[in-house]
């Protein structure tokens, strides 16, 4: 079998999906009988361009599965765990359809990932969350669609009430953080910005895992941008950077822990997962080394590490805050703000919003009072020097 391109896609613990792109059109992956097939219209002959597009789509699905399973496993927020498991399951379903429809894509080791999904589902059932295999139609999703239609019709107050109804309806436990972030933005459209900010800040306080915090910080930034409170938008741009960095640092640490487990338990991991595709474990591409000296052979490690390095760079930090900073009277301080923010980021392992505010208040003397008052009240700590 001539291999054109091989992706080694690792995640969820040490479970691996291999996505093999080949010239072999005779032995496509056999789709499981219990998976509903959705026909994909395709030409009989594939150009290289056709193949590249299909491969990229399949690659993206695997990335989503890997990321979603890791988030579902690591998150402490039940709604996040549930929603990301659903995302992983849905994308695995679609990926298997791709493998069945396109004979130059072969999947191996999917049974390991399916078992991971099944194990997590059982864990959630035991905890009383939900059943991934349940077929009932959830009312919450229908209500979200109704809210969207009301928003399009500019019936904002009604749309807000419909969202609130969705949040307590059947199936609400599967809603994602993005679904809940719609309410403060709808309240803003309804002319109820104070209520919108209160809802946003409550979400910020309730969601303490990095996977959600960067998403919330981004939405707060957009909220204040729409309010034309650009000093606050700059603050939450800086906070968003910190949360993105913490999230990537967590992913890096998970990969390191997994790599150490694989290297130190060869009988359990290596033979089962790597030898079917490689003549020896050392044949897998090494992308890094753990602090213990063990090889890292995770497909996404190098990409995450490079992204993390770039996010911490002075250039990226400045770019992130510049969009809102240019609309303040402090644009001439862009270099100083960026340097101080980078200094703070590089000096800490964990970041706190009140500390980020201290950095920004050295230069920005605009109205940060709404956030400062909230921090003093909700976090129980005074604003002082870092």
Protein backbone atom coordinates (compact mmCIF):
# COMPACT_ATOMS: atom_id res chain seq x y z
CA UNK A 1 0.00 0.00 0.00
CA UNK A 2 1.60 3.27 -1.09
CA UNK A 3 1.13 5.95 1.56
CA UNK A 4 0.78 9.51 0.29
CA UNK A 5 0.37 11.20 3.62
CA UNK A 6 0.22 9.96 7.21
CA UNK A 7 -1.19 11.89 10.16
CA UNK A 8 -0.53 10.48 13.61
CA UNK A 9 -3.36 11.89 15.65
CA UNK A 10 -3.20 11.35 19.36
CA UNK A 11 -5.56 12.09 22.13
CA UNK A 12 -7.72 11.20 24.98
CA UNK A 13 -5.30 9.69 27.40
CA UNK A 14 -3.05 7.67 25.14
CA UNK A 15 -5.72 6.62 22.68
CA UNK A 16 -4.81 7.23 19.08
CA UNK A 17 -6.67 7.82 15.85
CA UNK A 18 -4.50 7.15 12.83
CA UNK A 19 -5.73 8.88 9.70
CA UNK A 20 -3.98 7.21 6.77
CA UNK A 21 -4.28 8.78 3.34
CA UNK A 22 -3.43 6.20 0.70
CA UNK A 23 -3.65 5.32 -2.98
CA UNK A 24 -5.45 2.10 -2.15
CA UNK A 25 -9.07 2.25 -3.38
CA UNK A 26 -9.86 -1.42 -2.67
CA UNK A 27 -10.17 -1.63 1.09
CA UNK A 28 -12.05 1.34 2.56
CA UNK A 29 -12.81 1.44 6.27
CA UNK A 30 -15.95 -0.57 6.97
CA UNK A 31 -18.50 1.62 8.69
CA UNK A 32 -20.15 0.25 11.81
CA UNK A 33 -23.63 -1.06 11.12
CA UNK A 34 -25.20 1.02 13.87
CA UNK A 35 -23.98 4.33 12.42
CA UNK A 36 -26.53 6.08 10.26
CA UNK A 37 -25.01 6.91 6.89
CA UNK A 38 -25.44 10.30 5.30
CA UNK A 39 -24.62 9.99 1.58
CA UNK A 40 -21.89 12.30 0.36
CA UNK A 41 -22.04 13.21 -3.31
CA UNK A 42 -18.58 12.82 -4.83
CA UNK A 43 -16.93 12.31 -8.22
CA UNK A 44 -15.69 8.86 -9.19
CA UNK A 45 -12.21 10.22 -9.84
CA UNK A 46 -10.53 12.58 -7.41
CA UNK A 47 -8.15 15.33 -8.41
CA UNK A 48 -5.32 16.20 -6.07
CA UNK A 49 -7.23 19.36 -5.17
CA UNK A 50 -10.35 17.32 -4.32
CA UNK A 51 -8.30 15.02 -2.12
CA UNK A 52 -6.62 17.90 -0.33
CA UNK A 53 -9.95 19.52 0.56
CA UNK A 54 -11.40 16.21 1.83
CA UNK A 55 -8.24 15.43 3.80
CA UNK A 56 -8.31 18.86 5.43
CA UNK A 57 -11.94 18.34 6.45
CA UNK A 58 -11.14 14.94 7.94
CA UNK A 59 -8.08 16.38 9.70
CA UNK A 60 -10.21 19.11 11.23
CA UNK A 61 -12.74 16.55 12.51
CA UNK A 62 -9.98 14.56 14.22
CA UNK A 63 -8.59 17.73 15.81
CA UNK A 64 -12.06 18.58 17.14
CA UNK A 65 -12.53 15.04 18.50
CA UNK A 66 -9.16 15.10 20.24
CA UNK A 67 -9.64 18.55 21.72
CA UNK A 68 -13.24 17.89 22.79
CA UNK A 69 -12.38 14.64 24.55
CA UNK A 70 -9.55 16.27 26.42
CA UNK A 71 -11.77 19.17 27.50
CA UNK A 72 -14.58 16.80 28.48
CA UNK A 73 -12.16 14.75 30.55
CA UNK A 74 -10.36 17.66 32.23
CA UNK A 75 -13.06 20.29 32.71
CA UNK A 76 -14.61 20.68 36.16
CA UNK A 77 -17.77 22.22 34.72
CA UNK A 78 -20.52 19.60 34.16
CA UNK A 79 -22.14 21.45 31.25
CA UNK A 80 -18.78 21.78 29.52
CA UNK A 81 -17.97 18.09 30.06
CA UNK A 82 -21.32 17.08 28.59
CA UNK A 83 -21.35 19.43 25.61
CA UNK A 84 -17.81 18.59 24.54
CA UNK A 85 -18.47 14.86 24.77
CA UNK A 86 -21.43 15.37 22.45
CA UNK A 87 -19.21 17.32 20.03
CA UNK A 88 -16.64 14.49 20.05
CA UNK A 89 -19.30 11.85 19.45
CA UNK A 90 -20.93 13.77 16.59
CA UNK A 91 -17.62 14.43 14.85
CA UNK A 92 -16.51 10.81 15.20
CA UNK A 93 -19.79 9.79 13.55
CA UNK A 94 -19.10 12.17 10.65
CA UNK A 95 -15.45 11.11 10.40
CA UNK A 96 -16.46 7.46 10.03
CA UNK A 97 -18.82 8.46 7.25
CA UNK A 98 -15.91 10.17 5.49
CA UNK A 99 -13.80 7.04 5.82
CA UNK A 100 -16.63 4.98 4.35
CA UNK A 101 -17.31 7.38 1.48
CA UNK A 102 -13.74 8.23 0.48
CA UNK A 103 -11.59 5.15 -0.14
CA UNK A 104 -8.28 6.99 0.20
CA UNK A 105 -8.98 7.61 3.90
CA UNK A 106 -8.51 4.76 6.38
CA UNK A 107 -9.03 5.01 10.14
CA UNK A 108 -7.39 2.73 12.67
CA UNK A 109 -7.71 2.51 16.46
CA UNK A 110 -11.13 4.21 16.43
CA UNK A 111 -12.36 1.52 18.81
CA UNK A 112 -10.13 3.02 21.51
CA UNK A 113 -11.70 6.44 21.07
CA UNK A 114 -15.19 4.93 20.97
CA UNK A 115 -14.43 3.20 24.26
CA UNK A 116 -13.26 6.52 25.70
CA UNK A 117 -16.55 8.14 24.72
CA UNK A 118 -18.49 5.20 26.13
CA UNK A 119 -16.56 5.30 29.41
CA UNK A 120 -17.13 9.02 29.82
CA UNK A 121 -20.81 8.58 28.99
CA UNK A 122 -21.09 5.92 31.69
CA UNK A 123 -19.33 8.23 34.14
CA UNK A 124 -21.83 10.99 33.34
CA UNK A 125 -24.74 8.57 33.71
CA UNK A 126 -23.49 7.55 37.14
CA UNK A 127 -23.16 11.21 38.10
CA UNK A 128 -26.72 11.80 36.91
CA UNK A 129 -25.82 14.11 34.03
CA UNK A 130 -27.29 12.62 30.85
CA UNK A 131 -27.24 9.69 28.43
CA UNK A 132 -25.28 10.31 25.23
CA UNK A 133 -27.26 7.60 23.46
CA UNK A 134 -30.67 9.03 24.35
CA UNK A 135 -32.75 9.73 21.25
CA UNK A 136 -35.31 12.15 22.67
CA UNK A 137 -35.55 15.61 21.12
CA UNK A 138 -34.36 18.19 23.59
CA UNK A 139 -36.58 21.21 24.01
CA UNK A 140 -33.65 23.49 24.88
CA UNK A 141 -32.27 23.47 21.34
CA UNK A 142 -35.66 24.26 19.85
CA UNK A 143 -36.02 27.23 22.19
CA UNK A 144 -32.58 28.52 21.19
CA UNK A 145 -33.69 28.48 17.56
CA UNK A 146 -36.83 30.39 18.48
CA UNK A 147 -34.70 32.97 20.31
CA UNK A 148 -32.54 33.39 17.22
CA UNK A 149 -35.61 34.05 15.09
CA UNK A 150 -36.94 36.61 17.58
CA UNK A 151 -33.58 38.38 17.52
CA UNK A 152 -33.68 38.54 13.72
CA UNK A 153 -37.08 40.17 14.03
CA UNK A 154 -35.56 42.64 16.55
CA UNK A 155 -37.91 41.44 19.28
CA UNK A 156 -35.07 41.51 21.75
CA UNK A 157 -36.98 41.34 25.03
CA UNK A 158 -38.89 38.30 23.85
CA UNK A 159 -35.66 36.74 22.62
CA UNK A 160 -34.13 37.18 26.09
CA UNK A 161 -37.08 35.48 27.75
CA UNK A 162 -36.88 32.63 25.25
CA UNK A 163 -33.18 32.12 26.08
CA UNK A 164 -33.96 32.02 29.80
CA UNK A 165 -36.63 29.43 29.09
CA UNK A 166 -34.10 27.35 27.13
CA UNK A 167 -31.63 27.38 30.01
CA UNK A 168 -34.07 25.52 32.26
CA UNK A 169 -35.70 23.30 29.62
CA UNK A 170 -35.12 19.61 28.94
CA UNK A 171 -31.68 19.18 27.38
CA UNK A 172 -30.24 22.37 28.88
CA UNK A 173 -27.47 20.32 30.49
CA UNK A 174 -26.00 19.83 27.02
CA UNK A 175 -25.80 23.52 26.18
CA UNK A 176 -22.35 24.99 25.64
CA UNK A 177 -20.88 28.13 27.17
CA UNK A 178 -21.47 29.93 23.85
CA UNK A 179 -25.20 29.31 24.26
CA UNK A 180 -25.23 30.98 27.67
CA UNK A 181 -23.15 33.91 26.42
CA UNK A 182 -25.97 34.84 24.05
CA UNK A 183 -28.15 36.21 26.86
CA UNK A 184 -25.94 39.17 27.91
CA UNK A 185 -25.52 40.17 24.26
CA UNK A 186 -29.28 40.00 23.69
CA UNK A 187 -29.83 42.06 26.85
CA UNK A 188 -27.43 44.63 25.45
CA UNK A 189 -29.46 44.78 22.24
CA UNK A 190 -32.60 45.22 24.34
CA UNK A 191 -31.06 48.29 25.96
CA UNK A 192 -30.38 46.49 29.25
CA UNK A 193 -26.61 46.75 29.37
CA UNK A 194 -26.42 46.73 33.17
CA UNK A 195 -28.24 43.39 33.26
CA UNK A 196 -26.04 42.15 30.45
CA UNK A 197 -22.85 43.01 32.31
CA UNK A 198 -24.19 41.40 35.49
CA UNK A 199 -24.93 38.19 33.58
CA UNK A 200 -21.47 38.19 32.02
CA UNK A 201 -19.71 38.75 35.33
CA UNK A 202 -21.71 35.98 36.99
CA UNK A 203 -20.54 33.61 34.26
CA UNK A 204 -16.96 34.77 34.75
CA UNK A 205 -17.18 33.99 38.45
CA UNK A 206 -18.92 30.63 38.02
CA UNK A 207 -16.63 29.25 35.30
CA UNK A 208 -13.20 28.65 36.72
CA UNK A 209 -11.65 26.36 34.11
CA UNK A 210 -9.41 27.84 31.47
CA UNK A 211 -11.31 26.30 28.57
CA UNK A 212 -14.31 28.53 29.30
CA UNK A 213 -12.60 31.56 30.79
CA UNK A 214 -10.90 32.67 27.58
CA UNK A 215 -14.24 32.40 25.73
CA UNK A 216 -15.96 34.49 28.40
CA UNK A 217 -13.15 37.07 28.41
CA UNK A 218 -13.48 37.44 24.65
CA UNK A 219 -17.24 38.00 24.93
CA UNK A 220 -16.80 40.60 27.68
CA UNK A 221 -14.30 42.39 25.46
CA UNK A 222 -16.85 42.47 22.63
CA UNK A 223 -19.58 43.59 25.06
CA UNK A 224 -17.60 46.63 26.19
CA UNK A 225 -16.51 47.37 22.65
CA UNK A 226 -20.18 47.64 21.67
CA UNK A 227 -20.69 49.91 24.69
CA UNK A 228 -17.82 52.03 23.36
CA UNK A 229 -16.03 51.56 26.68
CA UNK A 230 -12.72 50.90 25.01
CA UNK A 231 -10.58 51.09 28.17
CA UNK A 232 -12.52 48.12 29.54
CA UNK A 233 -12.30 46.37 26.18
CA UNK A 234 -8.51 46.73 26.34
CA UNK A 235 -8.49 45.28 29.85
CA UNK A 236 -10.41 42.19 28.78
CA UNK A 237 -8.29 41.82 25.65
CA UNK A 238 -5.33 41.50 28.02
CA UNK A 239 -7.27 39.09 30.23
CA UNK A 240 -8.23 36.99 27.20
CA UNK A 241 -4.53 36.62 26.31
CA UNK A 242 -3.78 35.37 29.83
CA UNK A 243 -6.59 32.80 29.72
CA UNK A 244 -5.56 31.52 26.28
CA UNK A 245 -2.03 31.05 27.59
CA UNK A 246 -3.25 29.17 30.68
CA UNK A 247 -5.37 26.89 28.51
CA UNK A 248 -2.47 26.04 26.21
CA UNK A 249 -0.16 25.52 29.20
CA UNK A 250 -2.68 23.00 30.56
CA UNK A 251 -2.77 21.16 27.23
CA UNK A 252 1.03 21.05 27.10
CA UNK A 253 1.14 19.61 30.62
CA UNK A 254 -1.45 16.96 29.71
CA UNK A 255 0.65 15.90 26.72
CA UNK A 256 3.78 15.72 28.88
CA UNK A 257 2.00 13.59 31.49
CA UNK A 258 0.65 11.28 28.80
CA UNK A 259 4.08 10.95 27.15
CA UNK A 260 5.67 10.00 30.47
CA UNK A 261 2.98 7.35 31.04
CA UNK A 262 3.52 5.90 27.56
CA UNK A 263 7.30 5.79 27.93
CA UNK A 264 7.20 4.32 31.43
CA UNK A 265 4.53 1.68 30.69
CA UNK A 266 5.67 0.28 27.33
CA UNK A 267 3.91 -3.03 27.69
CA UNK A 268 0.56 -1.34 28.14
CA UNK A 269 0.77 1.50 25.63
CA UNK A 270 3.42 1.05 22.99
CA UNK A 271 2.75 -2.45 21.75
CA UNK A 272 -0.98 -1.95 21.50
CA UNK A 273 -1.05 1.48 19.93
CA UNK A 274 2.14 2.13 18.00
CA UNK A 275 3.54 -1.16 16.76
CA UNK A 276 0.65 -1.87 14.33
CA UNK A 277 1.80 1.09 12.24
CA UNK A 278 5.50 1.31 13.08
CA UNK A 279 8.22 -1.31 13.21
CA UNK A 280 9.34 0.16 16.52
CA UNK A 281 8.17 2.85 18.91
CA UNK A 282 11.17 4.95 17.96
CA UNK A 283 9.79 5.01 14.42
CA UNK A 284 7.08 7.47 15.48
CA UNK A 285 7.95 11.12 14.92
CA UNK A 286 9.34 12.75 18.06
CA UNK A 287 8.11 16.30 18.55
CA UNK A 288 9.65 17.06 21.94
CA UNK A 289 11.08 15.78 25.21
CA UNK A 290 9.46 15.77 28.66
CA UNK A 291 11.27 17.16 31.75
CA UNK A 292 11.87 13.50 32.71
CA UNK A 293 13.70 12.98 29.44
CA UNK A 294 10.99 10.91 27.77
CA UNK A 295 10.15 11.44 24.09
CA UNK A 296 6.98 13.30 23.14
CA UNK A 297 5.36 11.83 20.03
CA UNK A 298 2.11 13.75 20.12
CA UNK A 299 0.98 15.10 16.76
CA UNK A 300 -0.27 18.42 18.14
CA UNK A 301 2.47 19.12 20.69
CA UNK A 302 4.72 21.17 18.42
CA UNK A 303 1.80 23.21 17.08
CA UNK A 304 0.52 24.02 20.58
CA UNK A 305 4.03 24.84 21.81
CA UNK A 306 4.68 27.18 18.88
CA UNK A 307 1.28 28.82 19.31
CA UNK A 308 1.99 29.35 23.01
CA UNK A 309 5.37 30.89 22.28
CA UNK A 310 3.83 33.24 19.73
CA UNK A 311 0.98 34.27 22.07
CA UNK A 312 3.54 35.26 24.72
CA UNK A 313 5.54 37.34 22.24
CA UNK A 314 5.58 41.12 22.51
CA UNK A 315 4.30 41.45 18.96
CA UNK A 316 1.23 39.24 19.58
CA UNK A 317 0.40 40.94 22.89
CA UNK A 318 0.54 44.36 21.28
CA UNK A 319 -1.57 43.22 18.34
CA UNK A 320 -4.22 41.82 20.70
CA UNK A 321 -4.77 45.07 22.60
CA UNK A 322 -4.24 47.49 19.72
CA UNK A 323 -7.71 47.25 18.13
CA UNK A 324 -9.35 48.85 21.16
CA UNK A 325 -6.38 50.86 22.37
CA UNK A 326 -6.40 52.98 19.19
CA UNK A 327 -9.84 54.24 20.21
CA UNK A 328 -8.59 55.54 23.57
CA UNK A 329 -6.38 58.47 24.51
CA UNK A 330 -3.60 56.05 25.45
CA UNK A 331 -2.50 54.75 22.06
CA UNK A 332 0.90 56.41 22.53
CA UNK A 333 1.44 54.05 25.48
CA UNK A 334 0.98 50.87 23.40
CA UNK A 335 4.62 49.80 23.62
CA UNK A 336 4.90 50.38 27.37
CA UNK A 337 1.61 48.61 28.10
CA UNK A 338 2.60 45.62 25.94
CA UNK A 339 6.02 45.32 27.61
CA UNK A 340 4.58 45.47 31.12
CA UNK A 341 1.85 42.98 30.24
CA UNK A 342 4.43 40.58 28.77
CA UNK A 343 6.59 41.00 31.88
CA UNK A 344 3.59 40.05 34.03
CA UNK A 345 2.72 37.05 31.82
CA UNK A 346 6.27 35.68 31.84
CA UNK A 347 6.60 36.09 35.61
CA UNK A 348 3.49 34.10 36.56
CA UNK A 349 2.18 30.55 36.30
CA UNK A 350 -1.40 31.56 37.10
CA UNK A 351 -3.09 34.83 36.17
CA UNK A 352 -5.67 36.91 38.03
CA UNK A 353 -7.87 39.60 36.58
CA UNK A 354 -7.25 42.04 39.42
CA UNK A 355 -3.49 41.73 38.78
CA UNK A 356 -3.95 42.38 35.08
CA UNK A 357 -5.95 45.47 36.02
CA UNK A 358 -3.03 46.74 38.11
CA UNK A 359 -0.77 46.55 35.06
CA UNK A 360 -3.30 48.40 32.91
CA UNK A 361 -4.08 51.10 35.49
CA UNK A 362 -0.48 52.30 35.34
CA UNK A 363 -1.28 53.69 31.92
CA UNK A 364 -5.04 53.74 31.42
CA UNK A 365 -6.76 56.26 33.66
CA UNK A 366 -10.17 55.90 32.05
CA UNK A 367 -13.29 54.37 33.57
CA UNK A 368 -12.33 50.95 34.91
CA UNK A 369 -14.54 51.46 37.96
CA UNK A 370 -17.26 48.97 36.97
CA UNK A 371 -14.73 46.15 36.88
CA UNK A 372 -12.70 47.37 39.84
CA UNK A 373 -15.79 47.56 42.05
CA UNK A 374 -16.85 44.08 40.91
CA UNK A 375 -13.43 42.66 41.67
CA UNK A 376 -13.27 44.22 45.11
CA UNK A 377 -16.69 42.81 45.92
CA UNK A 378 -16.56 39.38 44.27
CA UNK A 379 -12.96 38.38 44.81
CA UNK A 380 -12.58 39.91 48.27
CA UNK A 381 -9.21 41.45 47.61
CA UNK A 382 -8.02 45.02 47.31
CA UNK A 383 -6.43 46.45 44.19
CA UNK A 384 -2.78 46.83 45.07
CA UNK A 385 0.57 46.50 43.36
CA UNK A 386 1.50 43.16 41.76
